[in-house]
Structures are given as C-alpha cells and as structure tokens.
Amino acid sequence: MHTTGPGNGHTVRLMAPKLVAPYRLSGKRGKNDAADAAAICEAVTRAQMRFVPIKSIEQQGQLMVPRARQGFVEQRTATFNRRLLAPYREWMRGLTHRDKG
C-alpha cells in the first residue's frame, strides 16, 4: 500500500498497461523503469486516455476465486500427467538420446 493517496489530496487513477505501452519509446531506451515512467507521464496528459476503475476489496476477492480454482486444476492435471507417464519415463529418455546420436 502506498503512503500517499486520496487522504493526502491526490487523485488516484489507474491506467491499464496495454494503454500505456504505445507511449513507451522503443529502440535505444528499451523496457526499463525510466522508460515506463516517461510513458506514464506522456499517457496521462492525453485527453483520450481511459482509466481503469479501482476495485473494492470485495471485487478483488470475487476475482480471486476463479484464479485460485484454475491454479488447482492446473496442478491436478500436471500431477495426473506425471503419474500417467511415469512408467514410460525411461523409455522416452531413451528415445531422445537415440535421436541425438
């Protein structure tokens, strides 16, 4: 959490990274903090810049549930695949070494 914000007279507005990226100068400067800061300064001055609404704690919690579930599904699938392929692991290693030689 930042120490400055609405309580100190600042207006908090969020910008989506995909909307700021076109303002980042590529080439010599590349992707670094200074280039990102310059792109943010340039993007915030544009009249057509769209800002992202700030989510409440409840909204963030609701968005977290499907992401956590997706992570569990990915872990379950990976575990199942490892166990399913375990008997064939040595055989598959032999295939890759034979192809190189």
C-alpha atoms as a PDB file:
ATOM      1  CA  MET A   1       0.000   0.000   0.000  1.00  0.00           C
ATOM      2  CA  HIS A   2       1.314   3.401  -0.885  1.00  0.00           C
ATOM      3  CA  THR A   3       1.731   6.004   1.815  1.00  0.00           C
ATOM      4  CA  THR A   4       0.296   8.780  -0.359  1.00  0.00           C
ATOM      5  CA  GLY A   5      -3.163   8.710  -1.845  1.00  0.00           C
ATOM      6  CA  PRO A   6      -6.618  10.239  -1.597  1.00  0.00           C
ATOM      7  CA  GLY A   7      -6.103  11.152   2.056  1.00  0.00           C
ATOM      8  CA  ASN A   8      -3.242  13.496   1.099  1.00  0.00           C
ATOM      9  CA  GLY A   9      -5.136  15.387  -1.600  1.00  0.00           C
ATOM     10  CA  HIS A  10      -4.046  13.169  -4.504  1.00  0.00           C
ATOM     11  CA  THR A  11      -6.400  11.742  -7.079  1.00  0.00           C
ATOM     12  CA  VAL A  12      -5.733   8.049  -7.634  1.00  0.00           C
ATOM     13  CA  ARG A  13      -6.311   6.857 -11.200  1.00  0.00           C
ATOM     14  CA  LEU A  14      -5.214   3.521 -12.633  1.00  0.00           C
ATOM     15  CA  MET A  15      -4.099   3.044 -16.217  1.00  0.00           C
ATOM     16  CA  ALA A  16      -4.057  -0.313 -17.975  1.00  0.00           C
ATOM     17  CA  PRO A  17      -0.513  -1.248 -19.058  1.00  0.00           C
ATOM     18  CA  LYS A  18      -1.698  -2.080 -22.571  1.00  0.00           C
ATOM     19  CA  LEU A  19      -2.920   1.514 -22.952  1.00  0.00           C
ATOM     20  CA  VAL A  20       0.382   2.993 -21.749  1.00  0.00           C
ATOM     21  CA  ALA A  21       2.664   0.698 -23.782  1.00  0.00           C
ATOM     22  CA  PRO A  22       2.227   2.586 -27.087  1.00  0.00           C
ATOM     23  CA  TYR A  23       3.714   5.690 -25.446  1.00  0.00           C
ATOM     24  CA  ARG A  24       6.894   3.864 -24.402  1.00  0.00           C
ATOM     25  CA  LEU A  25       9.679   4.761 -26.769  1.00  0.00           C
ATOM     26  CA  SER A  26      11.327   1.652 -28.098  1.00  0.00           C
ATOM     27  CA  GLY A  27      14.800   1.405 -29.532  1.00  0.00           C
ATOM     28  CA  LYS A  28      17.619   2.933 -27.507  1.00  0.00           C
ATOM     29  CA  ARG A  29      15.685   3.250 -24.271  1.00  0.00           C
ATOM     30  CA  GLY A  30      14.007  -0.164 -24.213  1.00  0.00           C
ATOM     31  CA  LYS A  31      11.935  -1.518 -21.352  1.00  0.00           C
ATOM     32  CA  ASN A  32      13.089  -0.142 -18.019  1.00  0.00           C
ATOM     33  CA  ASP A  33      11.675   1.890 -15.149  1.00  0.00           C
ATOM     34  CA  ALA A  34      12.703   5.246 -16.611  1.00  0.00           C
ATOM     35  CA  ALA A  35      11.072   4.466 -19.967  1.00  0.00           C
ATOM     36  CA  ASP A  36       7.927   3.249 -18.198  1.00  0.00           C
ATOM     37  CA  ALA A  37       7.758   6.422 -16.084  1.00  0.00           C
ATOM     38  CA  ALA A  38       8.163   8.610 -19.166  1.00  0.00           C
ATOM     39  CA  ALA A  39       5.425   6.646 -20.948  1.00  0.00           C
ATOM     40  CA  ILE A  40       3.076   7.077 -17.972  1.00  0.00           C
ATOM     41  CA  CYS A  41       3.738  10.831 -17.889  1.00  0.00           C
ATOM     42  CA  GLU A  42       3.045  11.072 -21.617  1.00  0.00           C
ATOM     43  CA  ALA A  43      -0.074   8.896 -21.488  1.00  0.00           C
ATOM     44  CA  VAL A  44      -1.678  10.694 -18.534  1.00  0.00           C
ATOM     45  CA  THR A  45      -1.593  14.014 -20.409  1.00  0.00           C
ATOM     46  CA  ARG A  46      -3.604  12.623 -23.337  1.00  0.00           C
ATOM     47  CA  ALA A  47      -7.271  13.597 -23.393  1.00  0.00           C
ATOM     48  CA  GLN A  48      -8.378  10.249 -24.839  1.00  0.00           C
ATOM     49  CA  MET A  49      -6.657   8.178 -22.116  1.00  0.00           C
ATOM     50  CA  ARG A  50      -9.089   5.788 -20.438  1.00  0.00           C
ATOM     51  CA  PHE A  51      -8.608   4.948 -16.786  1.00  0.00           C
ATOM     52  CA  VAL A  52      -9.423   1.692 -15.014  1.00  0.00           C
ATOM     53  CA  PRO A  53     -11.889   1.834 -12.111  1.00  0.00           C
ATOM     54  CA  ILE A  54     -10.471   0.967  -8.696  1.00  0.00           C
ATOM     55  CA  LYS A  55     -11.795  -2.362  -7.411  1.00  0.00           C
ATOM     56  CA  SER A  56     -13.102  -2.763  -3.888  1.00  0.00           C
ATOM     57  CA  ILE A  57     -11.822  -5.470  -1.546  1.00  0.00           C
ATOM     58  CA  GLU A  58     -14.999  -7.493  -2.233  1.00  0.00           C
ATOM     59  CA  GLN A  59     -14.499  -7.271  -6.008  1.00  0.00           C
ATOM     60  CA  GLN A  60     -10.873  -8.366  -5.682  1.00  0.00           C
ATOM     61  CA  GLY A  61     -11.962 -11.328  -3.561  1.00  0.00           C
ATOM     62  CA  GLN A  62     -14.557 -12.364  -6.145  1.00  0.00           C
ATOM     63  CA  LEU A  63     -11.933 -12.237  -8.891  1.00  0.00           C
ATOM     64  CA  MET A  64      -9.514 -14.298  -6.818  1.00  0.00           C
ATOM     65  CA  VAL A  65     -11.770 -17.377  -6.569  1.00  0.00           C
ATOM     66  CA  PRO A  66     -11.691 -18.397 -10.282  1.00  0.00           C
ATOM     67  CA  ARG A  67      -7.934 -17.752 -10.468  1.00  0.00           C
ATOM     68  CA  ALA A  68      -7.289 -19.948  -7.440  1.00  0.00           C
ATOM     69  CA  ARG A  69      -9.530 -22.665  -8.887  1.00  0.00           C
ATOM     70  CA  GLN A  70      -7.671 -22.516 -12.206  1.00  0.00           C
ATOM     71  CA  GLY A  71      -4.379 -22.978 -10.350  1.00  0.00           C
ATOM     72  CA  PHE A  72      -5.731 -26.047  -8.561  1.00  0.00           C
ATOM     73  CA  VAL A  73      -6.967 -27.517 -11.857  1.00  0.00           C
ATOM     74  CA  GLU A  74      -3.537 -26.977 -13.460  1.00  0.00           C
ATOM     75  CA  GLN A  75      -1.771 -28.631 -10.514  1.00  0.00           C
ATOM     76  CA  ARG A  76      -4.170 -31.598 -10.590  1.00  0.00           C
ATOM     77  CA  THR A  77      -3.670 -32.050 -14.347  1.00  0.00           C
ATOM     78  CA  ALA A  78       0.130 -31.877 -14.021  1.00  0.00           C
ATOM     79  CA  THR A  79       0.118 -34.442 -11.200  1.00  0.00           C
ATOM     80  CA  PHE A  80      -2.146 -36.772 -13.179  1.00  0.00           C
ATOM     81  CA  ASN A  81       0.056 -36.489 -16.270  1.00  0.00           C
ATOM     82  CA  ARG A  82       3.231 -37.198 -14.273  1.00  0.00           C
ATOM     83  CA  ARG A  83       1.698 -40.303 -12.713  1.00  0.00           C
ATOM     84  CA  LEU A  84       0.257 -41.466 -16.014  1.00  0.00           C
ATOM     85  CA  LEU A  85       3.584 -41.114 -17.840  1.00  0.00           C
ATOM     86  CA  ALA A  86       5.839 -42.354 -15.014  1.00  0.00           C
ATOM     87  CA  PRO A  87       6.111 -45.947 -16.331  1.00  0.00           C
ATOM     88  CA  TYR A  88       7.214 -44.646 -19.735  1.00  0.00           C
ATOM     89  CA  ARG A  89       9.753 -42.073 -18.491  1.00  0.00           C
ATOM     90  CA  GLU A  90      12.872 -44.222 -19.048  1.00  0.00           C
ATOM     91  CA  TRP A  91      11.614 -45.338 -22.429  1.00  0.00           C
ATOM     92  CA  MET A  92      11.031 -41.706 -23.512  1.00  0.00           C
ATOM     93  CA  ARG A  93      14.503 -40.697 -22.286  1.00  0.00           C
ATOM     94  CA  GLY A  94      15.966 -43.479 -24.421  1.00  0.00           C
ATOM     95  CA  LEU A  95      14.149 -42.112 -27.471  1.00  0.00           C
ATOM     96  CA  THR A  96      15.577 -38.630 -27.047  1.00  0.00           C
ATOM     97  CA  HIS A  97      19.142 -39.907 -26.604  1.00  0.00           C
ATOM     98  CA  ARG A  98      18.831 -42.185 -29.634  1.00  0.00           C
ATOM     99  CA  ASP A  99      17.646 -39.315 -31.840  1.00  0.00           C
ATOM    100  CA  LYS A 100      20.719 -37.188 -30.999  1.00  0.00           C
ATOM    101  CA  GLY A 101      23.247 -39.888 -31.734  1.00  0.00           C
END
